[in-house]
Amino acid sequence: MEILALVGSPRRLGNSELMAKEISRRIPDPHRLKLVRLPEMDIRPCRACYTCLFDEHTCPQRDDFPGILEALMRADGLILAVPVYMLAANASLKQFLDRGLSLYGHFEQLWNKPAVAVAIAGIPGMEGYTKLCLDSALRIMGAQVQASEVVYGALPGEVFMNQDNLDTAEKLAKALFGPSPDWRGESWRCQACGGDTFRFLDSDKVRCMTCSSPGTVLLKEGQISFEVDAHQDHFFLTFEGARRHLTWLQGMKGRFLEKKKELKSICLDYLHDGQWLETKRKANKVSADS
């Protein structure tokens, strides 16, 4: 059995790496641990060319993304360990997710793969929306989110000067291949995806920030609860929904060709507005290339 750990920290033997490896150590089943350090990978921005949505479902860019995708498909389980940078997940995770269209053609191999996530913050309570980033990332990858947690530790290794964090690693290790989570009775969670972060849209209307399901906030016996439309067929919740979204995305190519002239006219109207900033580094590169 193979487990893949996606580590979102540039720091070698930092707390994210240590947490991923400690979780692996505590998994009771024999396995091989493979690791990817996302900040060291050459992952280029998506060009929105839609090439990956058709035929062989491959991206024309030559970088490290295909290798990571292969590792994801090969793995039997996933560990996502990412540090907090400025109240959010390290940008290397978003850089990877921005190539998410390339995942759609491979959901048969990716869907419902068990996964756990851990966010590492330096100051208690200052993780911002990092846990949301990790929960959402696993959903985008088609994974089954078995559990996700936040731990605290700033200095390299400090995360394990606290027994609670070792206990958290144990909890995540047991959850990875354990029973699927049951959110019934946890009224503070989204009943569609298990998410625990909501956006308030009105006095009583909310939207789950993990899966975007709409809902209502209620006050019962002094306790706040969220009543979510768990039957909404969202493309990050069901395999069939993901396949339908792929079909919708593929149809956008035809729609673009139909409206190409009209769209081009709109865009060209803004061609000469403003002045783009050019850094000295960029200017020197252009000069050298010429």
Protein backbone atom coordinates (compact mmCIF):
# COMPACT_ATOMS: atom_id res chain seq x y z
CA MET A 1 0.00 0.00 0.00
CA GLU A 2 1.24 3.48 -0.87
CA ILE A 3 0.45 6.75 0.88
CA LEU A 4 1.25 10.11 -0.69
CA ALA A 5 1.98 13.14 1.49
CA LEU A 6 1.66 16.55 -0.13
CA VAL A 7 3.77 18.91 1.96
CA GLY A 8 3.16 22.61 1.40
CA SER A 9 6.19 23.95 3.25
CA PRO A 10 9.52 25.04 1.73
CA ARG A 11 11.26 24.29 5.04
CA ARG A 12 13.05 20.93 5.14
CA LEU A 13 12.30 19.01 8.34
CA GLY A 14 9.84 21.72 9.26
CA ASN A 15 6.67 21.09 11.22
CA SER A 16 4.57 20.25 8.15
CA GLU A 17 6.99 17.55 7.06
CA LEU A 18 7.27 16.22 10.61
CA MET A 19 3.49 16.02 11.00
CA ALA A 20 3.12 14.15 7.71
CA LYS A 21 5.80 11.65 8.73
CA GLU A 22 4.43 11.23 12.26
CA ILE A 23 0.98 10.48 10.87
CA SER A 24 2.58 7.90 8.58
CA ARG A 25 4.44 6.30 11.50
CA ARG A 26 1.18 5.82 13.39
CA ILE A 27 -0.83 4.28 10.53
CA PRO A 28 -1.31 0.66 11.62
CA ASP A 29 -1.30 -0.82 8.11
CA PRO A 30 2.02 -1.60 6.36
CA HIS A 31 2.68 0.99 3.67
CA ARG A 32 5.23 2.99 1.71
CA LEU A 33 5.29 6.75 2.28
CA LYS A 34 5.93 8.96 -0.74
CA LEU A 35 6.28 12.72 -0.31
CA VAL A 36 5.95 15.74 -2.58
CA ARG A 37 7.26 19.13 -1.46
CA LEU A 38 4.96 21.43 -3.41
CA PRO A 39 7.06 24.65 -3.14
CA GLU A 40 9.97 22.89 -4.87
CA MET A 41 7.87 21.67 -7.79
CA ASP A 42 7.78 23.46 -11.13
CA ILE A 43 4.02 24.01 -11.39
CA ARG A 44 3.18 26.67 -13.93
CA PRO A 45 -0.03 28.74 -14.02
CA CYS A 46 -3.01 27.29 -15.87
CA ARG A 47 -3.48 28.95 -19.27
CA ALA A 48 -7.21 28.11 -19.41
CA CYS A 49 -6.70 26.53 -22.83
CA TYR A 50 -9.02 23.58 -21.92
CA THR A 51 -6.74 21.11 -23.74
CA CYS A 52 -6.71 18.83 -20.68
CA LEU A 53 -10.49 18.41 -20.88
CA PHE A 54 -10.37 16.50 -24.15
CA ASP A 55 -8.83 13.41 -25.75
CA GLU A 56 -5.92 12.18 -23.59
CA HIS A 57 -6.68 14.71 -20.82
CA THR A 58 -3.09 15.95 -20.73
CA CYS A 59 -1.79 19.48 -20.23
CA PRO A 60 0.50 20.82 -22.99
CA GLN A 61 2.77 22.53 -20.45
CA ARG A 62 5.98 20.70 -19.62
CA ASP A 63 6.45 20.91 -15.89
CA ASP A 64 6.14 18.76 -12.75
CA PHE A 65 2.34 18.66 -12.57
CA PRO A 66 1.88 15.39 -14.54
CA GLY A 67 4.28 13.59 -12.21
CA ILE A 68 2.34 14.74 -9.15
CA LEU A 69 -0.93 13.71 -10.79
CA GLU A 70 0.48 10.24 -11.49
CA ALA A 71 1.52 9.94 -7.84
CA LEU A 72 -1.98 11.00 -6.73
CA MET A 73 -3.61 8.36 -8.89
CA ARG A 74 -1.20 5.67 -7.72
CA ALA A 75 -1.65 6.38 -4.00
CA ASP A 76 -4.07 4.45 -1.80
CA GLY A 77 -4.39 7.34 0.65
CA LEU A 78 -3.41 11.00 0.97
CA ILE A 79 -1.91 13.19 3.67
CA LEU A 80 -2.01 16.96 3.17
CA ALA A 81 0.24 18.96 5.52
CA VAL A 82 0.50 22.70 4.93
CA PRO A 83 1.74 25.64 7.05
CA VAL A 84 -0.08 28.90 7.62
CA TYR A 85 1.30 31.89 5.71
CA MET A 86 -0.45 35.21 6.38
CA LEU A 87 -3.61 33.55 7.75
CA ALA A 88 -3.93 31.17 4.79
CA ALA A 89 -2.35 28.06 3.32
CA ASN A 90 1.07 28.39 1.73
CA ALA A 91 0.59 29.56 -1.87
CA SER A 92 2.13 26.38 -3.31
CA LEU A 93 -1.14 24.57 -2.56
CA LYS A 94 -3.18 27.11 -4.54
CA GLN A 95 -0.63 26.97 -7.35
CA PHE A 96 -1.23 23.23 -7.57
CA LEU A 97 -5.02 23.55 -7.35
CA ASP A 98 -5.11 26.15 -10.13
CA ARG A 99 -4.27 23.28 -12.47
CA GLY A 100 -7.34 21.44 -11.20
CA LEU A 101 -9.01 21.18 -14.61
CA SER A 102 -6.42 18.51 -15.39
CA LEU A 103 -7.93 16.35 -12.64
CA TYR A 104 -11.34 15.97 -14.29
CA GLY A 105 -10.24 13.43 -16.87
CA HIS A 106 -8.77 11.22 -14.12
CA PHE A 107 -11.51 11.24 -11.49
CA GLU A 108 -12.14 7.51 -11.99
CA GLN A 109 -8.71 6.91 -10.41
CA LEU A 110 -8.94 9.79 -7.92
CA TRP A 111 -12.52 9.79 -6.68
CA ASN A 112 -13.20 8.98 -3.03
CA LYS A 113 -9.56 8.33 -2.18
CA PRO A 114 -9.26 8.56 1.64
CA ALA A 115 -7.40 11.64 2.84
CA VAL A 116 -6.52 13.55 5.99
CA ALA A 117 -5.24 17.10 6.33
CA VAL A 118 -3.35 19.09 8.93
CA ALA A 119 -2.66 22.82 9.01
CA ILE A 120 0.28 24.07 11.07
CA ALA A 121 0.11 27.58 12.54
CA GLY A 122 2.71 29.39 14.61
CA ILE A 123 0.31 31.15 16.99
CA PRO A 124 -2.81 29.55 18.53
CA GLY A 125 -5.95 30.91 16.94
CA MET A 126 -4.10 32.60 14.08
CA GLU A 127 -4.63 29.94 11.40
CA GLY A 128 -7.11 32.19 9.57
CA TYR A 129 -8.88 30.24 6.83
CA THR A 130 -6.11 27.67 6.30
CA LYS A 131 -8.20 24.69 7.42
CA LEU A 132 -10.86 25.73 4.93
CA CYS A 133 -8.18 25.83 2.21
CA LEU A 134 -7.14 22.26 3.02
CA ASP A 135 -10.68 20.88 3.23
CA SER A 136 -11.56 22.53 -0.07
CA ALA A 137 -8.34 21.31 -1.71
CA LEU A 138 -9.08 17.68 -0.91
CA ARG A 139 -12.63 18.06 -2.23
CA ILE A 140 -11.29 19.54 -5.46
CA MET A 141 -8.99 16.51 -5.80
CA GLY A 142 -12.03 14.24 -5.50
CA ALA A 143 -10.84 12.82 -2.18
CA GLN A 144 -12.89 11.60 0.76
CA VAL A 145 -12.02 13.92 3.66
CA GLN A 146 -11.69 11.56 6.60
CA ALA A 147 -10.49 14.23 9.04
CA SER A 148 -8.71 17.58 9.17
CA GLU A 149 -7.09 19.37 12.09
CA VAL A 150 -5.07 22.46 13.05
CA VAL A 151 -1.95 22.22 15.23
CA TYR A 152 0.40 24.90 16.52
CA GLY A 153 4.18 25.21 16.47
CA ALA A 154 6.41 27.92 15.02
CA LEU A 155 10.01 26.71 15.38
CA PRO A 156 11.17 23.61 13.46
CA GLY A 157 10.28 20.62 15.63
CA GLU A 158 8.30 22.71 18.12
CA VAL A 159 5.09 21.04 16.99
CA PHE A 160 6.09 17.90 18.92
CA MET A 161 6.98 19.68 22.14
CA ASN A 162 3.24 19.49 22.75
CA GLN A 163 1.71 16.08 23.48
CA ASP A 164 -1.64 17.26 22.11
CA ASN A 165 -0.12 17.51 18.63
CA LEU A 166 1.22 13.95 18.85
CA ASP A 167 -2.28 12.88 19.85
CA THR A 168 -3.63 14.72 16.80
CA ALA A 169 -1.21 12.81 14.57
CA GLU A 170 -2.50 9.58 16.13
CA LYS A 171 -6.10 10.66 15.53
CA LEU A 172 -5.44 11.47 11.86
CA ALA A 173 -3.54 8.22 11.34
CA LYS A 174 -6.46 6.18 12.66
CA ALA A 175 -8.97 8.20 10.64
CA LEU A 176 -7.25 7.79 7.27
CA PHE A 177 -8.45 4.25 6.63
CA GLY A 178 -11.17 4.26 9.27
CA PRO A 179 -14.95 4.47 8.78
CA SER A 180 -16.31 7.30 6.67
CA PRO A 181 -17.13 10.30 8.88
CA ASP A 182 -20.74 10.66 10.01
CA TRP A 183 -21.83 14.27 10.50
CA ARG A 184 -25.36 13.49 11.66
CA GLY A 185 -25.92 15.08 15.02
CA GLU A 186 -23.18 17.66 14.45
CA SER A 187 -25.53 20.51 13.61
CA TRP A 188 -22.67 23.02 13.41
CA ARG A 189 -21.34 21.23 10.29
CA CYS A 190 -22.49 21.29 6.68
CA GLN A 191 -24.59 18.15 6.27
CA ALA A 192 -23.56 17.92 2.61
CA CYS A 193 -19.76 17.83 3.00
CA GLY A 194 -18.92 18.09 6.71
CA GLY A 195 -17.44 21.56 6.32
CA ASP A 196 -17.33 23.84 9.34
CA THR A 197 -17.00 27.28 7.72
CA PHE A 198 -20.00 29.30 6.52
CA ARG A 199 -20.57 32.64 4.82
CA PHE A 200 -23.55 34.61 6.10
CA LEU A 201 -25.56 35.94 3.15
CA ASP A 202 -28.49 37.49 5.01
CA SER A 203 -30.05 37.47 8.43
CA ASP A 204 -30.58 33.70 8.29
CA LYS A 205 -29.13 32.54 4.94
CA VAL A 206 -25.70 30.92 4.74
CA ARG A 207 -23.46 29.15 2.23
CA CYS A 208 -20.95 26.44 3.06
CA MET A 209 -17.51 27.72 2.09
CA THR A 210 -16.21 24.19 1.43
CA CYS A 211 -18.82 22.89 -1.03
CA SER A 212 -20.95 26.04 -1.67
CA SER A 213 -24.19 24.34 -0.58
CA PRO A 214 -26.85 26.87 0.55
CA GLY A 215 -28.53 26.70 3.92
CA THR A 216 -30.22 28.43 6.81
CA VAL A 217 -28.91 29.24 10.28
CA LEU A 218 -31.26 28.30 13.11
CA LEU A 219 -31.36 28.93 16.86
CA LYS A 220 -32.72 25.96 18.80
CA GLU A 221 -32.73 25.87 22.59
CA GLY A 222 -29.95 28.44 22.71
CA GLN A 223 -27.76 26.51 20.25
CA ILE A 224 -26.87 27.62 16.72
CA SER A 225 -27.31 25.02 14.00
CA PHE A 226 -27.09 25.02 10.22
CA GLU A 227 -29.75 23.45 8.03
CA VAL A 228 -28.05 22.79 4.69
CA ASP A 229 -29.52 21.59 1.41
CA ALA A 230 -27.58 18.31 1.45
CA HIS A 231 -29.36 17.05 -1.66
CA GLN A 232 -27.83 19.63 -3.97
CA ASP A 233 -25.92 17.78 -6.73
CA HIS A 234 -22.66 19.68 -6.45
CA PHE A 235 -19.72 18.71 -8.66
CA PHE A 236 -17.36 18.37 -5.67
CA LEU A 237 -19.76 16.08 -3.78
CA THR A 238 -20.66 13.26 -6.18
CA PHE A 239 -18.84 11.48 -8.98
CA GLU A 240 -21.85 11.95 -11.25
CA GLY A 241 -21.85 15.68 -10.49
CA ALA A 242 -18.15 15.90 -11.36
CA ARG A 243 -18.75 14.13 -14.67
CA ARG A 244 -21.58 16.51 -15.51
CA HIS A 245 -19.37 19.47 -14.71
CA LEU A 246 -16.71 18.06 -17.05
CA THR A 247 -19.33 17.88 -19.81
CA TRP A 248 -20.34 21.49 -19.08
CA LEU A 249 -16.71 22.63 -19.26
CA GLN A 250 -16.20 20.80 -22.54
CA GLY A 251 -19.27 22.55 -23.92
CA MET A 252 -17.72 25.94 -23.17
CA LYS A 253 -15.34 25.48 -26.09
CA GLY A 254 -18.24 25.39 -28.54
CA ARG A 255 -19.90 28.34 -26.83
CA PHE A 256 -16.67 30.34 -27.15
CA LEU A 257 -16.42 29.61 -30.87
CA GLU A 258 -20.05 30.68 -31.35
CA LYS A 259 -19.51 34.02 -29.60
CA LYS A 260 -15.87 34.57 -30.53
CA LYS A 261 -16.35 37.77 -32.53
CA GLU A 262 -18.61 39.38 -29.94
CA LEU A 263 -16.27 38.45 -27.09
CA LYS A 264 -13.22 39.70 -28.97
CA SER A 265 -14.90 43.05 -29.59
CA ILE A 266 -15.62 43.48 -25.88
CA CYS A 267 -12.06 42.62 -24.87
CA LEU A 268 -10.33 44.80 -27.46
CA ASP A 269 -12.19 47.84 -26.18
CA TYR A 270 -9.95 47.66 -23.08
CA LEU A 271 -6.67 46.94 -24.86
CA HIS A 272 -4.98 50.32 -24.34
CA ASP A 273 -6.27 51.22 -20.87
CA GLY A 274 -3.59 51.73 -18.21
CA GLN A 275 0.11 51.00 -18.11
CA TRP A 276 1.60 47.68 -17.00
CA LEU A 277 4.34 47.76 -14.38
CA GLU A 278 7.69 46.49 -15.65
CA THR A 279 10.33 45.62 -13.07
CA LYS A 280 14.04 46.05 -13.74
CA ARG A 281 14.40 42.29 -13.72
CA LYS A 282 11.76 41.90 -16.41
CA ALA A 283 13.27 44.70 -18.51
CA ASN A 284 16.73 43.12 -18.27
CA LYS A 285 15.32 39.75 -19.33
CA VAL A 286 13.59 41.26 -22.37
CA SER A 287 16.81 43.05 -23.31
CA ALA A 288 18.85 39.85 -22.97
CA ASP A 289 16.35 37.82 -24.99
CA SER A 290 16.43 40.38 -27.82
